[in-house]
């Protein structure tokens, strides 16, 4: 019951995010029409650097909005970092910064690249469980838990499906499967497809 209630709330929250993303996309389309109109003004003000700067700022803002939609739809840490990178790049390109502000912006972008390269993680763990995507490759999962797993399937979700079939069980949220001492629980499913799994130390 706990898993069903939680996942219903997550599912409806996801629907609301998609609705807001659609409304944002509509606003981007409307703003793009205005941007096309501004092209005429750009042609009339070819020598006006400030006008072009404003035009560039509007264009970059639309690009950031599109990246924001992708971040909401993908719902990954990587897409969040990409949005931050583009937002910082826009600020450096469009805004009139002094030397110190420009240097701070470059350092911030450098830190984001370092985070993406060295600190990016595809799982969240606590002392008693590790939450991972069902799309995580089995080989990568083995590196995380430092234990061997069956390789009949490419992904963790496929592995659990095969374990369920071998045991004659139906897939259900909250069910725990054990293989060679490794305990894995179905955390979340959507339309009968496993989305999120947990490696656990003590199933309840």
N, C-alpha and C. Protein backbone atom coordinates (compact mmCIF):
# COMPACT_ATOMS: atom_id res chain seq x y z
N UNK A 1 0.83 -1.21 0.00
CA UNK A 1 0.00 0.00 0.00
C UNK A 1 0.87 1.26 0.00
N UNK A 2 1.95 1.22 0.81
CA UNK A 2 2.82 2.39 0.88
C UNK A 2 3.42 2.70 -0.48
N UNK A 3 3.86 1.67 -1.18
CA UNK A 3 4.48 1.86 -2.50
C UNK A 3 3.46 2.38 -3.50
N UNK A 4 2.23 1.84 -3.45
CA UNK A 4 1.21 2.27 -4.41
C UNK A 4 0.84 3.74 -4.21
N UNK A 5 0.63 4.14 -2.95
CA UNK A 5 0.27 5.53 -2.67
C UNK A 5 1.39 6.46 -3.10
N UNK A 6 2.62 6.12 -2.73
CA UNK A 6 3.75 6.96 -3.10
C UNK A 6 3.90 7.09 -4.60
N UNK A 7 3.76 5.97 -5.29
CA UNK A 7 3.94 5.98 -6.74
C UNK A 7 2.80 6.67 -7.47
N UNK A 8 1.58 6.62 -6.90
CA UNK A 8 0.47 7.39 -7.47
C UNK A 8 0.78 8.89 -7.37
N UNK A 9 1.30 9.31 -6.22
CA UNK A 9 1.65 10.72 -6.06
C UNK A 9 2.76 11.12 -7.02
N UNK A 10 3.77 10.25 -7.17
CA UNK A 10 4.85 10.53 -8.11
C UNK A 10 4.34 10.60 -9.54
N UNK A 11 3.40 9.69 -9.87
CA UNK A 11 2.87 9.65 -11.23
C UNK A 11 2.09 10.93 -11.55
N UNK A 12 1.24 11.39 -10.60
CA UNK A 12 0.46 12.60 -10.84
C UNK A 12 1.36 13.84 -10.85
N UNK A 13 2.40 13.82 -10.04
CA UNK A 13 3.37 14.92 -10.09
C UNK A 13 4.05 14.97 -11.45
N UNK A 14 4.35 13.79 -12.00
CA UNK A 14 4.94 13.73 -13.34
C UNK A 14 4.01 14.27 -14.40
N UNK A 15 2.70 13.96 -14.28
CA UNK A 15 1.73 14.49 -15.23
C UNK A 15 1.67 16.02 -15.16
N UNK A 16 1.73 16.57 -13.93
CA UNK A 16 1.70 18.02 -13.79
C UNK A 16 2.95 18.65 -14.40
N UNK A 17 4.09 17.99 -14.22
CA UNK A 17 5.32 18.50 -14.84
C UNK A 17 5.21 18.52 -16.36
N UNK A 18 4.62 17.47 -16.92
CA UNK A 18 4.44 17.42 -18.37
C UNK A 18 3.50 18.52 -18.85
N UNK A 19 2.44 18.79 -18.07
CA UNK A 19 1.51 19.85 -18.44
C UNK A 19 2.22 21.21 -18.42
N UNK A 20 2.99 21.46 -17.37
CA UNK A 20 3.73 22.72 -17.29
C UNK A 20 4.76 22.82 -18.42
N UNK A 21 5.37 21.70 -18.76
CA UNK A 21 6.33 21.70 -19.87
C UNK A 21 5.64 22.04 -21.18
N UNK A 22 4.42 21.52 -21.37
CA UNK A 22 3.67 21.82 -22.59
C UNK A 22 3.32 23.30 -22.65
N UNK A 23 2.87 23.87 -21.52
CA UNK A 23 2.55 25.29 -21.49
C UNK A 23 3.79 26.13 -21.78
N UNK A 24 4.93 25.71 -21.24
CA UNK A 24 6.17 26.42 -21.51
C UNK A 24 6.54 26.33 -22.98
N UNK A 25 6.30 25.16 -23.59
CA UNK A 25 6.59 25.00 -25.01
C UNK A 25 5.71 25.91 -25.86
N UNK A 26 4.43 26.04 -25.48
CA UNK A 26 3.53 26.95 -26.20
C UNK A 26 4.04 28.39 -26.10
N UNK A 27 4.49 28.77 -24.90
CA UNK A 27 5.01 30.14 -24.74
C UNK A 27 6.28 30.35 -25.56
N UNK A 28 7.09 29.30 -25.70
CA UNK A 28 8.30 29.41 -26.52
C UNK A 28 7.94 29.62 -27.99
N UNK A 29 6.92 28.90 -28.46
CA UNK A 29 6.47 29.06 -29.85
C UNK A 29 6.00 30.49 -30.09
N UNK A 30 5.22 31.02 -29.14
CA UNK A 30 4.73 32.40 -29.27
C UNK A 30 5.91 33.38 -29.28
N UNK A 31 6.86 33.17 -28.35
CA UNK A 31 8.01 34.06 -28.28
C UNK A 31 8.88 33.95 -29.53
N UNK A 32 8.94 32.76 -30.12
CA UNK A 32 9.73 32.58 -31.35
C UNK A 32 9.14 33.38 -32.50
N UNK A 33 7.81 33.44 -32.55
CA UNK A 33 7.16 34.27 -33.58
C UNK A 33 7.58 35.72 -33.41
N UNK A 34 7.61 36.18 -32.15
CA UNK A 34 8.06 37.55 -31.89
C UNK A 34 9.52 37.74 -32.27
N UNK A 35 10.31 36.69 -32.10
CA UNK A 35 11.72 36.77 -32.45
C UNK A 35 11.91 36.90 -33.96
N UNK A 36 11.06 36.20 -34.71
CA UNK A 36 11.11 36.31 -36.17
C UNK A 36 10.78 37.73 -36.60
N UNK A 37 9.80 38.33 -35.92
CA UNK A 37 9.44 39.72 -36.23
C UNK A 37 10.62 40.65 -35.95
N UNK A 38 11.36 40.34 -34.89
CA UNK A 38 12.50 41.18 -34.53
C UNK A 38 13.61 41.14 -35.58
N UNK A 39 13.60 40.11 -36.42
CA UNK A 39 14.61 40.04 -37.48
C UNK A 39 14.52 41.25 -38.41
N UNK A 40 13.28 41.72 -38.63
CA UNK A 40 13.11 42.91 -39.47
C UNK A 40 13.76 44.12 -38.82
N UNK A 41 13.56 44.23 -37.50
CA UNK A 41 14.20 45.32 -36.78
C UNK A 41 15.71 45.20 -36.79
N UNK A 42 16.20 43.96 -36.76
CA UNK A 42 17.64 43.74 -36.80
C UNK A 42 18.22 44.22 -38.13
N UNK A 43 17.47 43.96 -39.20
CA UNK A 43 17.92 44.42 -40.52
C UNK A 43 17.93 45.94 -40.61
N UNK A 44 17.00 46.59 -39.89
CA UNK A 44 16.92 48.05 -39.91
C UNK A 44 17.95 48.70 -38.99
N UNK A 45 18.51 47.89 -38.07
CA UNK A 45 19.47 48.44 -37.11
C UNK A 45 20.78 47.63 -37.16
N UNK A 46 21.29 47.46 -38.36
CA UNK A 46 22.47 46.61 -38.54
C UNK A 46 23.69 47.16 -37.81
N UNK A 47 23.76 48.45 -37.65
CA UNK A 47 24.91 49.03 -36.96
C UNK A 47 24.72 49.20 -35.48
N UNK A 48 23.57 48.79 -34.95
CA UNK A 48 23.25 48.97 -33.54
C UNK A 48 23.65 47.71 -32.77
N UNK A 49 24.77 47.77 -32.08
CA UNK A 49 25.24 46.62 -31.31
C UNK A 49 24.33 46.27 -30.16
N UNK A 50 23.72 47.29 -29.53
CA UNK A 50 22.82 47.03 -28.40
C UNK A 50 21.59 46.26 -28.84
N UNK A 51 21.07 46.59 -30.01
CA UNK A 51 19.88 45.88 -30.51
C UNK A 51 20.21 44.41 -30.75
N UNK A 52 21.37 44.17 -31.36
CA UNK A 52 21.77 42.78 -31.59
C UNK A 52 21.99 42.04 -30.27
N UNK A 53 22.53 42.76 -29.27
CA UNK A 53 22.75 42.14 -27.96
C UNK A 53 21.42 41.71 -27.34
N UNK A 54 20.41 42.56 -27.47
CA UNK A 54 19.08 42.21 -26.94
C UNK A 54 18.49 41.04 -27.71
N UNK A 55 18.68 41.04 -29.04
CA UNK A 55 18.19 39.93 -29.86
C UNK A 55 18.87 38.62 -29.45
N UNK A 56 20.18 38.68 -29.24
CA UNK A 56 20.93 37.49 -28.81
C UNK A 56 20.46 37.01 -27.44
N UNK A 57 20.19 37.97 -26.54
CA UNK A 57 19.70 37.60 -25.21
C UNK A 57 18.36 36.89 -25.27
N UNK A 58 17.46 37.38 -26.12
CA UNK A 58 16.15 36.74 -26.27
C UNK A 58 16.29 35.33 -26.84
N UNK A 59 17.19 35.18 -27.82
CA UNK A 59 17.41 33.86 -28.42
C UNK A 59 17.96 32.87 -27.40
N UNK A 60 18.94 33.30 -26.62
CA UNK A 60 19.52 32.43 -25.60
C UNK A 60 18.50 32.06 -24.53
N UNK A 61 17.61 33.00 -24.20
CA UNK A 61 16.58 32.70 -23.21
C UNK A 61 15.65 31.60 -23.70
N UNK A 62 15.31 31.62 -25.00
CA UNK A 62 14.47 30.57 -25.57
C UNK A 62 15.19 29.23 -25.56
N UNK A 63 16.50 29.26 -25.84
CA UNK A 63 17.27 28.01 -25.81
C UNK A 63 17.29 27.43 -24.40
N UNK A 64 17.46 28.29 -23.40
CA UNK A 64 17.45 27.82 -22.01
C UNK A 64 16.09 27.23 -21.66
N UNK A 65 15.02 27.87 -22.13
CA UNK A 65 13.67 27.35 -21.86
C UNK A 65 13.48 25.96 -22.48
N UNK A 66 14.00 25.77 -23.69
CA UNK A 66 13.92 24.45 -24.33
C UNK A 66 14.71 23.41 -23.55
N UNK A 67 15.89 23.80 -23.08
CA UNK A 67 16.69 22.87 -22.28
C UNK A 67 16.00 22.56 -20.96
N UNK A 68 15.28 23.54 -20.42
CA UNK A 68 14.53 23.32 -19.18
C UNK A 68 13.44 22.27 -19.39
N UNK A 69 12.77 22.34 -20.54
CA UNK A 69 11.76 21.33 -20.86
C UNK A 69 12.39 19.95 -20.94
N UNK A 70 13.54 19.85 -21.59
CA UNK A 70 14.22 18.55 -21.69
C UNK A 70 14.65 18.05 -20.31
N UNK A 71 15.05 18.98 -19.45
CA UNK A 71 15.43 18.59 -18.09
C UNK A 71 14.25 18.00 -17.33
N UNK A 72 13.07 18.63 -17.48
CA UNK A 72 11.88 18.14 -16.79
C UNK A 72 11.47 16.77 -17.33
N UNK A 73 11.51 16.62 -18.65
CA UNK A 73 11.07 15.36 -19.26
C UNK A 73 12.04 14.23 -18.95
N UNK A 74 13.34 14.50 -19.06
CA UNK A 74 14.34 13.45 -18.82
C UNK A 74 14.46 13.13 -17.34
N UNK A 75 14.37 14.17 -16.50
CA UNK A 75 14.44 13.99 -15.04
C UNK A 75 15.75 13.31 -14.63
N UNK A 76 16.88 13.84 -15.11
CA UNK A 76 18.17 13.28 -14.76
C UNK A 76 19.09 14.38 -14.25
N UNK A 77 20.09 13.98 -13.48
CA UNK A 77 21.06 14.94 -12.97
C UNK A 77 21.85 15.56 -14.12
N UNK A 78 22.17 14.75 -15.14
CA UNK A 78 22.93 15.24 -16.27
C UNK A 78 22.24 16.37 -17.01
N UNK A 79 20.93 16.25 -17.21
CA UNK A 79 20.19 17.30 -17.91
C UNK A 79 20.14 18.58 -17.08
N UNK A 80 20.10 18.45 -15.76
CA UNK A 80 20.12 19.62 -14.89
C UNK A 80 21.43 20.38 -15.03
N UNK A 81 22.53 19.65 -15.07
CA UNK A 81 23.84 20.27 -15.24
C UNK A 81 23.93 20.97 -16.59
N UNK A 82 23.36 20.37 -17.63
CA UNK A 82 23.38 20.98 -18.96
C UNK A 82 22.64 22.32 -18.97
N UNK A 83 21.49 22.38 -18.28
CA UNK A 83 20.73 23.63 -18.20
C UNK A 83 21.55 24.70 -17.49
N UNK A 84 22.19 24.33 -16.39
CA UNK A 84 23.01 25.29 -15.65
C UNK A 84 24.18 25.79 -16.50
N UNK A 85 24.78 24.90 -17.27
CA UNK A 85 25.89 25.30 -18.14
C UNK A 85 25.44 26.32 -19.18
N UNK A 86 24.29 26.05 -19.81
CA UNK A 86 23.79 26.97 -20.84
C UNK A 86 23.38 28.30 -20.22
N UNK A 87 22.77 28.26 -19.02
CA UNK A 87 22.35 29.49 -18.36
C UNK A 87 23.57 30.35 -18.01
N UNK A 88 24.61 29.72 -17.51
CA UNK A 88 25.83 30.47 -17.19
C UNK A 88 26.49 31.02 -18.46
N UNK A 89 26.50 30.21 -19.52
CA UNK A 89 27.08 30.68 -20.78
C UNK A 89 26.31 31.89 -21.31
N UNK A 90 24.99 31.85 -21.20
CA UNK A 90 24.17 32.99 -21.65
C UNK A 90 24.54 34.25 -20.87
N UNK A 91 24.69 34.09 -19.55
CA UNK A 91 25.01 35.26 -18.72
C UNK A 91 26.36 35.85 -19.11
N UNK A 92 27.31 34.99 -19.42
CA UNK A 92 28.63 35.48 -19.81
C UNK A 92 28.61 36.16 -21.17
N UNK A 93 27.82 35.61 -22.10
CA UNK A 93 27.81 36.13 -23.47
C UNK A 93 26.98 37.40 -23.59
N UNK A 94 25.82 37.40 -22.95
CA UNK A 94 24.87 38.50 -23.14
C UNK A 94 25.09 39.64 -22.16
N UNK A 95 25.29 39.30 -20.87
CA UNK A 95 25.39 40.34 -19.86
C UNK A 95 26.73 41.07 -19.95
N UNK A 96 26.69 42.32 -19.57
CA UNK A 96 27.92 43.11 -19.54
C UNK A 96 28.57 42.93 -18.16
N UNK A 97 29.57 42.09 -18.10
CA UNK A 97 30.23 41.77 -16.84
C UNK A 97 31.58 42.48 -16.76
N UNK A 98 31.97 42.84 -15.50
CA UNK A 98 33.33 43.31 -15.32
C UNK A 98 34.27 42.11 -15.30
N UNK A 99 35.54 42.37 -15.17
CA UNK A 99 36.52 41.28 -15.24
C UNK A 99 36.29 40.24 -14.15
N UNK A 100 35.99 40.70 -12.93
CA UNK A 100 35.77 39.78 -11.81
C UNK A 100 34.54 38.92 -12.05
N UNK A 101 33.44 39.54 -12.50
CA UNK A 101 32.22 38.78 -12.77
C UNK A 101 32.43 37.76 -13.87
N UNK A 102 33.17 38.16 -14.90
CA UNK A 102 33.45 37.22 -16.00
C UNK A 102 34.29 36.05 -15.51
N UNK A 103 35.27 36.33 -14.65
CA UNK A 103 36.13 35.28 -14.11
C UNK A 103 35.33 34.32 -13.23
N UNK A 104 34.43 34.86 -12.41
CA UNK A 104 33.59 34.01 -11.55
C UNK A 104 32.71 33.10 -12.40
N UNK A 105 32.17 33.64 -13.49
CA UNK A 105 31.34 32.83 -14.39
C UNK A 105 32.13 31.68 -15.01
N UNK A 106 33.36 31.97 -15.44
CA UNK A 106 34.20 30.93 -16.04
C UNK A 106 34.53 29.85 -15.01
N UNK A 107 34.83 30.28 -13.77
CA UNK A 107 35.13 29.31 -12.70
C UNK A 107 33.91 28.44 -12.42
N UNK A 108 32.71 29.05 -12.41
CA UNK A 108 31.49 28.29 -12.16
C UNK A 108 31.26 27.24 -13.24
N UNK A 109 31.48 27.62 -14.50
CA UNK A 109 31.34 26.65 -15.60
C UNK A 109 32.37 25.53 -15.45
N UNK A 110 33.59 25.90 -15.07
CA UNK A 110 34.62 24.88 -14.87
C UNK A 110 34.23 23.89 -13.78
N UNK A 111 33.65 24.39 -12.68
CA UNK A 111 33.21 23.51 -11.60
C UNK A 111 32.10 22.57 -12.07
N UNK A 112 31.19 23.08 -12.89
CA UNK A 112 30.12 22.22 -13.41
C UNK A 112 30.68 21.10 -14.28
N UNK A 113 31.67 21.43 -15.09
CA UNK A 113 32.30 20.38 -15.91
C UNK A 113 32.99 19.34 -15.02
N UNK A 114 33.63 19.80 -13.94
CA UNK A 114 34.28 18.87 -13.02
C UNK A 114 33.25 17.97 -12.34
N UNK A 115 32.11 18.56 -11.95
CA UNK A 115 31.05 17.77 -11.31
C UNK A 115 30.53 16.72 -12.27
N UNK A 116 30.31 17.12 -13.53
CA UNK A 116 29.78 16.16 -14.50
C UNK A 116 30.78 15.04 -14.79
N UNK A 117 32.07 15.36 -14.74
CA UNK A 117 33.08 14.35 -15.09
C UNK A 117 33.43 13.43 -13.92
N UNK A 118 33.53 14.01 -12.71
CA UNK A 118 34.06 13.23 -11.59
C UNK A 118 33.04 12.92 -10.50
N UNK A 119 32.02 13.75 -10.34
CA UNK A 119 31.08 13.55 -9.24
C UNK A 119 29.71 13.11 -9.69
N UNK A 120 29.50 12.97 -10.99
CA UNK A 120 28.18 12.56 -11.50
C UNK A 120 27.91 11.11 -11.10
N UNK A 121 26.71 10.87 -10.54
CA UNK A 121 26.32 9.52 -10.12
C UNK A 121 24.98 9.18 -10.74
N UNK A 122 24.77 7.89 -11.02
CA UNK A 122 23.51 7.43 -11.60
C UNK A 122 22.65 6.72 -10.58
N UNK A 123 23.07 6.77 -9.30
CA UNK A 123 22.31 6.09 -8.26
C UNK A 123 22.36 6.91 -6.98
N UNK A 124 21.40 6.66 -6.07
CA UNK A 124 21.37 7.29 -4.76
C UNK A 124 21.36 6.19 -3.72
N UNK A 125 22.25 6.27 -2.74
CA UNK A 125 22.37 5.18 -1.79
C UNK A 125 22.35 5.69 -0.36
N UNK A 126 21.89 4.81 0.56
CA UNK A 126 21.97 5.03 1.99
C UNK A 126 22.66 3.81 2.58
N UNK A 127 22.66 3.74 3.91
CA UNK A 127 23.34 2.62 4.55
C UNK A 127 22.68 1.29 4.24
N UNK A 128 21.35 1.28 4.06
CA UNK A 128 20.65 0.00 3.91
C UNK A 128 20.09 -0.23 2.51
N UNK A 129 20.24 0.72 1.59
CA UNK A 129 19.70 0.49 0.25
C UNK A 129 20.40 1.39 -0.76
N UNK A 130 20.31 0.98 -2.02
CA UNK A 130 20.84 1.76 -3.13
C UNK A 130 19.79 1.79 -4.22
N UNK A 131 19.32 2.98 -4.56
CA UNK A 131 18.26 3.15 -5.55
C UNK A 131 18.90 3.40 -6.91
N UNK A 132 18.50 2.60 -7.90
CA UNK A 132 19.09 2.70 -9.24
C UNK A 132 17.99 2.64 -10.29
N UNK A 133 18.33 3.09 -11.49
CA UNK A 133 17.40 3.00 -12.61
C UNK A 133 17.35 1.56 -13.12
N UNK A 134 16.17 1.13 -13.54
CA UNK A 134 16.03 -0.22 -14.11
C UNK A 134 16.76 -0.33 -15.44
N UNK A 135 17.07 0.80 -16.06
CA UNK A 135 17.79 0.79 -17.34
C UNK A 135 19.31 0.69 -17.16
N UNK A 136 19.77 0.65 -15.92
CA UNK A 136 21.21 0.56 -15.66
C UNK A 136 21.75 -0.77 -16.18
N UNK A 137 22.83 -0.76 -16.97
CA UNK A 137 23.41 -2.02 -17.46
C UNK A 137 23.86 -2.91 -16.31
N UNK A 138 23.73 -4.21 -16.49
CA UNK A 138 24.11 -5.16 -15.45
C UNK A 138 25.60 -5.02 -15.10
N UNK A 139 26.43 -4.81 -16.11
CA UNK A 139 27.87 -4.66 -15.86
C UNK A 139 28.17 -3.46 -14.97
N UNK A 140 27.44 -2.35 -15.17
CA UNK A 140 27.64 -1.18 -14.33
C UNK A 140 27.14 -1.44 -12.92
N UNK A 141 26.03 -2.17 -12.79
CA UNK A 141 25.49 -2.49 -11.47
C UNK A 141 26.47 -3.34 -10.67
N UNK A 142 27.15 -4.25 -11.35
CA UNK A 142 28.15 -5.08 -10.67
C UNK A 142 29.27 -4.24 -10.07
N UNK A 143 29.65 -3.19 -10.78
CA UNK A 143 30.69 -2.30 -10.26
C UNK A 143 30.22 -1.55 -9.03
N UNK A 144 28.93 -1.21 -9.00
CA UNK A 144 28.39 -0.45 -7.88
C UNK A 144 28.29 -1.30 -6.62
N UNK A 145 27.78 -2.51 -6.76
CA UNK A 145 27.56 -3.36 -5.58
C UNK A 145 28.74 -4.28 -5.30
N UNK A 146 29.68 -4.33 -6.25
CA UNK A 146 30.88 -5.17 -6.10
C UNK A 146 30.52 -6.64 -5.87
N UNK A 147 29.50 -7.09 -6.57
CA UNK A 147 29.08 -8.50 -6.52
C UNK A 147 28.67 -8.94 -7.92
N UNK A 148 28.81 -10.24 -8.24
CA UNK A 148 28.42 -10.71 -9.57
C UNK A 148 26.91 -10.80 -9.71
N UNK A 149 26.43 -10.59 -10.93
CA UNK A 149 25.00 -10.69 -11.26
C UNK A 149 24.85 -11.53 -12.52
N UNK A 150 23.67 -12.11 -12.74
CA UNK A 150 23.46 -12.88 -13.98
C UNK A 150 23.50 -11.97 -15.20
N UNK A 151 24.07 -12.47 -16.28
CA UNK A 151 24.25 -11.66 -17.49
C UNK A 151 23.33 -12.10 -18.64
N UNK A 152 22.25 -12.80 -18.33
CA UNK A 152 21.32 -13.18 -19.39
C UNK A 152 20.60 -11.97 -19.97
N UNK A 153 20.48 -10.90 -19.19
CA UNK A 153 19.84 -9.66 -19.64
C UNK A 153 20.86 -8.54 -19.67
N UNK A 154 20.59 -7.51 -20.46
CA UNK A 154 21.51 -6.39 -20.57
C UNK A 154 21.33 -5.39 -19.43
N UNK A 155 20.09 -5.21 -18.97
CA UNK A 155 19.79 -4.21 -17.95
C UNK A 155 19.28 -4.88 -16.68
N UNK A 156 19.27 -4.10 -15.58
CA UNK A 156 18.77 -4.63 -14.31
C UNK A 156 17.29 -4.97 -14.40
N UNK A 157 16.52 -4.12 -15.10
CA UNK A 157 15.10 -4.41 -15.26
C UNK A 157 14.87 -5.73 -15.96
N UNK A 158 15.62 -5.97 -17.03
CA UNK A 158 15.50 -7.24 -17.74
C UNK A 158 15.92 -8.41 -16.88
N UNK A 159 16.93 -8.20 -16.04
CA UNK A 159 17.38 -9.27 -15.14
C UNK A 159 16.28 -9.66 -14.16
N UNK A 160 15.60 -8.65 -13.59
CA UNK A 160 14.52 -8.93 -12.64
C UNK A 160 13.36 -9.63 -13.33
N UNK A 161 13.05 -9.22 -14.56
CA UNK A 161 11.98 -9.88 -15.31
C UNK A 161 12.31 -11.36 -15.50
N UNK A 162 13.55 -11.66 -15.82
CA UNK A 162 13.96 -13.05 -15.99
C UNK A 162 13.91 -13.82 -14.68
N UNK A 163 14.30 -13.19 -13.57
CA UNK A 163 14.21 -13.84 -12.27
C UNK A 163 12.76 -14.15 -11.92
N UNK A 164 11.87 -13.19 -12.21
CA UNK A 164 10.45 -13.40 -11.92
C UNK A 164 9.90 -14.55 -12.75
N UNK A 165 10.28 -14.61 -14.03
CA UNK A 165 9.82 -15.70 -14.89
C UNK A 165 10.32 -17.05 -14.42
N UNK A 166 11.57 -17.09 -13.97
CA UNK A 166 12.14 -18.36 -13.50
C UNK A 166 11.46 -18.85 -12.23
N UNK A 167 10.98 -17.89 -11.41
CA UNK A 167 10.32 -18.26 -10.16
C UNK A 167 8.81 -18.34 -10.30
N UNK A 168 8.29 -18.05 -11.50
CA UNK A 168 6.86 -18.09 -11.71
C UNK A 168 6.10 -17.02 -10.96
N UNK A 169 6.70 -15.84 -10.81
CA UNK A 169 6.08 -14.74 -10.06
C UNK A 169 5.66 -13.62 -11.01
N UNK A 170 4.64 -12.88 -10.58
CA UNK A 170 4.20 -11.70 -11.32
C UNK A 170 4.93 -10.48 -10.75
N UNK A 171 5.28 -9.56 -11.63
CA UNK A 171 5.99 -8.36 -11.20
C UNK A 171 5.06 -7.45 -10.41
N UNK A 172 5.48 -7.07 -9.21
CA UNK A 172 4.71 -6.16 -8.37
C UNK A 172 5.66 -5.23 -7.62
N UNK A 173 5.22 -4.00 -7.41
CA UNK A 173 6.02 -3.05 -6.66
C UNK A 173 6.20 -3.54 -5.22
N UNK A 174 7.41 -3.43 -4.73
CA UNK A 174 7.71 -3.85 -3.37
C UNK A 174 8.22 -5.27 -3.25
N UNK A 175 8.06 -6.08 -4.30
CA UNK A 175 8.54 -7.47 -4.26
C UNK A 175 10.07 -7.51 -4.26
N UNK A 176 10.61 -8.47 -3.54
CA UNK A 176 12.06 -8.62 -3.41
C UNK A 176 12.51 -9.90 -4.12
N UNK A 177 13.59 -9.80 -4.87
CA UNK A 177 14.17 -10.96 -5.55
C UNK A 177 15.60 -11.15 -5.04
N UNK A 178 15.98 -12.40 -4.87
CA UNK A 178 17.30 -12.72 -4.33
C UNK A 178 18.05 -13.60 -5.33
N UNK A 179 19.28 -13.22 -5.61
CA UNK A 179 20.14 -14.04 -6.48
C UNK A 179 21.55 -14.03 -5.93
N UNK A 180 22.02 -15.18 -5.55
CA UNK A 180 23.39 -15.34 -5.06
C UNK A 180 23.71 -14.36 -3.92
N UNK A 181 22.74 -14.20 -3.02
CA UNK A 181 22.93 -13.32 -1.87
C UNK A 181 22.62 -11.86 -2.13
N UNK A 182 22.37 -11.48 -3.38
CA UNK A 182 22.04 -10.10 -3.73
C UNK A 182 20.53 -9.92 -3.67
N UNK A 183 20.07 -8.96 -2.89
CA UNK A 183 18.64 -8.72 -2.72
C UNK A 183 18.25 -7.44 -3.45
N UNK A 184 17.29 -7.54 -4.32
CA UNK A 184 16.87 -6.40 -5.13
C UNK A 184 15.35 -6.28 -5.09
N UNK A 185 14.87 -5.06 -4.86
CA UNK A 185 13.44 -4.82 -4.71
C UNK A 185 12.93 -3.90 -5.82
N UNK A 186 11.73 -4.18 -6.29
CA UNK A 186 11.09 -3.31 -7.29
C UNK A 186 10.57 -2.07 -6.57
N UNK A 187 11.15 -0.93 -6.85
CA UNK A 187 10.77 0.32 -6.20
C UNK A 187 9.59 0.98 -6.88
N UNK A 188 9.62 1.01 -8.22
CA UNK A 188 8.53 1.70 -8.94
C UNK A 188 8.32 1.07 -10.30
N UNK A 189 7.04 0.95 -10.69
CA UNK A 189 6.65 0.45 -12.01
C UNK A 189 5.66 1.42 -12.63
N UNK A 190 5.67 1.49 -13.96
CA UNK A 190 4.69 2.28 -14.70
C UNK A 190 4.21 1.46 -15.89
N UNK A 191 2.90 1.27 -15.95
CA UNK A 191 2.28 0.50 -17.04
C UNK A 191 2.90 -0.89 -17.17
N UNK A 192 3.19 -1.50 -16.03
CA UNK A 192 3.73 -2.85 -16.03
C UNK A 192 5.21 -2.95 -16.33
N UNK A 193 5.88 -1.81 -16.48
CA UNK A 193 7.32 -1.79 -16.79
C UNK A 193 8.09 -1.29 -15.58
N UNK A 194 9.15 -2.01 -15.22
CA UNK A 194 9.96 -1.61 -14.07
C UNK A 194 10.74 -0.33 -14.42
N UNK A 195 10.65 0.66 -13.53
CA UNK A 195 11.35 1.92 -13.74
C UNK A 195 12.52 2.10 -12.78
N UNK A 196 12.29 1.76 -11.50
CA UNK A 196 13.30 1.98 -10.47
C UNK A 196 13.44 0.73 -9.61
N UNK A 197 14.67 0.41 -9.24
CA UNK A 197 14.96 -0.76 -8.40
C UNK A 197 15.79 -0.33 -7.20
N UNK A 198 15.83 -1.20 -6.19
CA UNK A 198 16.65 -0.96 -5.00
C UNK A 198 17.48 -2.20 -4.68
N UNK A 199 18.76 -2.00 -4.45
CA UNK A 199 19.57 -3.04 -3.82
C UNK A 199 19.46 -2.83 -2.32
N UNK A 200 19.05 -3.86 -1.59
CA UNK A 200 18.80 -3.70 -0.16
C UNK A 200 19.61 -4.72 0.64
N UNK A 201 19.85 -4.35 1.90
CA UNK A 201 20.57 -5.25 2.79
C UNK A 201 19.63 -6.15 3.57
N UNK A 202 18.42 -5.62 3.87
CA UNK A 202 17.49 -6.42 4.67
C UNK A 202 16.08 -6.17 4.17
N UNK A 203 15.49 -7.00 3.31
CA UNK A 203 14.14 -6.79 2.81
C UNK A 203 13.12 -6.86 3.91
N UNK A 204 12.11 -6.00 3.77
CA UNK A 204 11.04 -5.96 4.76
C UNK A 204 9.74 -6.41 4.14
